[in-house]
Amino acid sequence: MNFSEALEKAKQGHKIMREGWNGKGQWVCYMPSVTISQDLVNGRTRKFHTSGDLHVGGYFVIMTAQKVWQPGWLASQGDMLAEDWCSETVE
């Protein structure tokens, strides 16, 4: 599938990945926006966000080949033009 189709799958809650990626086991997912109540904000984040609920915008995450959960993934130009995207349902 193309990148546009893969984005739609990601927004529906699927993992997306490219068949041509060198790193085996890599995939990307979309984390939709969420509001975290003040009492659930962890200490690491509270250091910077000191009061009130935390409003988090949607973002993409990549699970790297090294098994690192890396928020803030951005598609390269090659990724956006590729036709080898596939998806996997998450239960």
C-alpha atoms as a PDB file:
ATOM      1  CA  MET A   1       0.000   0.000   0.000  1.00  0.00           C
ATOM      2  CA  ASN A   2       1.091   3.621  -0.334  1.00  0.00           C
ATOM      3  CA  PHE A   3       1.870   6.031   2.512  1.00  0.00           C
ATOM      4  CA  SER A   4      -1.556   7.670   2.440  1.00  0.00           C
ATOM      5  CA  GLU A   5      -3.227   4.282   2.907  1.00  0.00           C
ATOM      6  CA  ALA A   6      -0.756   3.385   5.655  1.00  0.00           C
ATOM      7  CA  LEU A   7      -1.547   6.629   7.510  1.00  0.00           C
ATOM      8  CA  GLU A   8      -5.244   5.771   7.480  1.00  0.00           C
ATOM      9  CA  LYS A   9      -4.440   2.333   8.911  1.00  0.00           C
ATOM     10  CA  ALA A  10      -2.293   3.935  11.634  1.00  0.00           C
ATOM     11  CA  LYS A  11      -5.119   6.321  12.568  1.00  0.00           C
ATOM     12  CA  GLN A  12      -7.403   3.278  12.876  1.00  0.00           C
ATOM     13  CA  GLY A  13      -5.024   1.757  15.460  1.00  0.00           C
ATOM     14  CA  HIS A  14      -2.879  -0.527  13.290  1.00  0.00           C
ATOM     15  CA  LYS A  15       0.893  -0.887  13.338  1.00  0.00           C
ATOM     16  CA  ILE A  16       2.403   0.161  10.014  1.00  0.00           C
ATOM     17  CA  MET A  17       5.747  -0.829   8.533  1.00  0.00           C
ATOM     18  CA  ARG A  18       7.637  -1.009   5.270  1.00  0.00           C
ATOM     19  CA  GLU A  19       8.712  -4.237   3.660  1.00  0.00           C
ATOM     20  CA  GLY A  20      11.878  -2.467   2.469  1.00  0.00           C
ATOM     21  CA  TRP A  21      13.080  -1.307   5.893  1.00  0.00           C
ATOM     22  CA  ASN A  22      16.488  -2.700   6.782  1.00  0.00           C
ATOM     23  CA  GLY A  23      15.741  -2.891  10.497  1.00  0.00           C
ATOM     24  CA  LYS A  24      13.748  -6.064  11.040  1.00  0.00           C
ATOM     25  CA  GLY A  25      10.938  -5.830  13.557  1.00  0.00           C
ATOM     26  CA  GLN A  26      10.499  -2.056  13.165  1.00  0.00           C
ATOM     27  CA  TRP A  27       7.010  -0.622  13.085  1.00  0.00           C
ATOM     28  CA  VAL A  28       5.247   2.695  13.587  1.00  0.00           C
ATOM     29  CA  CYS A  29       2.023   3.489  15.421  1.00  0.00           C
ATOM     30  CA  TYR A  30      -0.067   6.599  15.962  1.00  0.00           C
ATOM     31  CA  MET A  31      -0.726   7.697  19.521  1.00  0.00           C
ATOM     32  CA  PRO A  32      -3.888   9.835  19.455  1.00  0.00           C
ATOM     33  CA  SER A  33      -4.271  12.961  21.552  1.00  0.00           C
ATOM     34  CA  VAL A  34      -5.105  12.463  25.211  1.00  0.00           C
ATOM     35  CA  THR A  35      -5.670  14.533  28.343  1.00  0.00           C
ATOM     36  CA  ILE A  36      -3.919  13.235  31.458  1.00  0.00           C
ATOM     37  CA  SER A  37      -5.383  14.441  34.743  1.00  0.00           C
ATOM     38  CA  GLN A  38      -3.007  16.324  37.006  1.00  0.00           C
ATOM     39  CA  ASP A  39      -2.922  13.515  39.599  1.00  0.00           C
ATOM     40  CA  LEU A  40      -1.772  10.969  36.953  1.00  0.00           C
ATOM     41  CA  VAL A  41       1.085  13.047  35.497  1.00  0.00           C
ATOM     42  CA  ASN A  42       4.315  11.238  36.403  1.00  0.00           C
ATOM     43  CA  GLY A  43       7.181  12.905  38.263  1.00  0.00           C
ATOM     44  CA  ARG A  44       9.432  13.085  35.220  1.00  0.00           C
ATOM     45  CA  THR A  45       6.817  15.101  33.308  1.00  0.00           C
ATOM     46  CA  ARG A  46       5.615  17.085  36.347  1.00  0.00           C
ATOM     47  CA  LYS A  47       9.099  18.620  36.547  1.00  0.00           C
ATOM     48  CA  PHE A  48       8.192  20.593  33.409  1.00  0.00           C
ATOM     49  CA  HIS A  49       4.380  20.698  33.623  1.00  0.00           C
ATOM     50  CA  THR A  50       3.738  21.871  37.161  1.00  0.00           C
ATOM     51  CA  SER A  51      -0.031  22.398  37.335  1.00  0.00           C
ATOM     52  CA  GLY A  52      -3.298  21.403  35.736  1.00  0.00           C
ATOM     53  CA  ASP A  53      -4.237  18.613  33.389  1.00  0.00           C
ATOM     54  CA  LEU A  54      -1.739  17.727  30.659  1.00  0.00           C
ATOM     55  CA  HIS A  55      -3.066  17.910  27.106  1.00  0.00           C
ATOM     56  CA  VAL A  56      -0.939  15.743  24.797  1.00  0.00           C
ATOM     57  CA  GLY A  57      -1.353  16.082  21.029  1.00  0.00           C
ATOM     58  CA  GLY A  58      -1.274  13.081  18.731  1.00  0.00           C
ATOM     59  CA  TYR A  59       2.120  11.789  17.598  1.00  0.00           C
ATOM     60  CA  PHE A  60       3.828   8.889  15.872  1.00  0.00           C
ATOM     61  CA  VAL A  61       6.101   6.397  17.621  1.00  0.00           C
ATOM     62  CA  ILE A  62       8.542   3.949  16.051  1.00  0.00           C
ATOM     63  CA  MET A  63       9.516   0.685  17.696  1.00  0.00           C
ATOM     64  CA  THR A  64      13.095   0.431  16.494  1.00  0.00           C
ATOM     65  CA  ALA A  65      14.977  -2.702  15.511  1.00  0.00           C
ATOM     66  CA  GLN A  66      16.799  -2.338  18.857  1.00  0.00           C
ATOM     67  CA  LYS A  67      13.407  -2.496  20.654  1.00  0.00           C
ATOM     68  CA  VAL A  68      13.461   1.182  21.659  1.00  0.00           C
ATOM     69  CA  TRP A  69      10.078   2.961  21.860  1.00  0.00           C
ATOM     70  CA  GLN A  70      10.986   6.255  20.149  1.00  0.00           C
ATOM     71  CA  PRO A  71       8.279   8.968  20.124  1.00  0.00           C
ATOM     72  CA  GLY A  72       8.340  11.643  17.461  1.00  0.00           C
ATOM     73  CA  TRP A  73       8.857   9.528  14.334  1.00  0.00           C
ATOM     74  CA  LEU A  74       8.809  11.453  11.057  1.00  0.00           C
ATOM     75  CA  ALA A  75       8.512   9.869   7.636  1.00  0.00           C
ATOM     76  CA  SER A  76      11.389  10.445   5.237  1.00  0.00           C
ATOM     77  CA  GLN A  77      10.778  11.508   1.663  1.00  0.00           C
ATOM     78  CA  GLY A  78      11.516   7.924   0.605  1.00  0.00           C
ATOM     79  CA  ASP A  79       8.947   6.633   3.108  1.00  0.00           C
ATOM     80  CA  MET A  80       6.284   9.031   1.809  1.00  0.00           C
ATOM     81  CA  LEU A  81       6.838   7.938  -1.799  1.00  0.00           C
ATOM     82  CA  ALA A  82       7.146   4.208  -1.102  1.00  0.00           C
ATOM     83  CA  GLU A  83       4.538   1.683  -2.202  1.00  0.00           C
ATOM     84  CA  ASP A  84       5.692  -1.147   0.102  1.00  0.00           C
ATOM     85  CA  TRP A  85       3.789  -0.190   3.247  1.00  0.00           C
ATOM     86  CA  CYS A  86       1.871  -2.873   5.110  1.00  0.00           C
ATOM     87  CA  SER A  87      -0.070  -2.973   8.340  1.00  0.00           C
ATOM     88  CA  GLU A  88      -0.783  -5.267  11.237  1.00  0.00           C
ATOM     89  CA  THR A  89      -3.887  -5.276  13.398  1.00  0.00           C
ATOM     90  CA  VAL A  90      -3.351  -4.708  17.109  1.00  0.00           C
ATOM     91  CA  GLU A  91      -5.708  -6.441  19.498  1.00  0.00           C
END
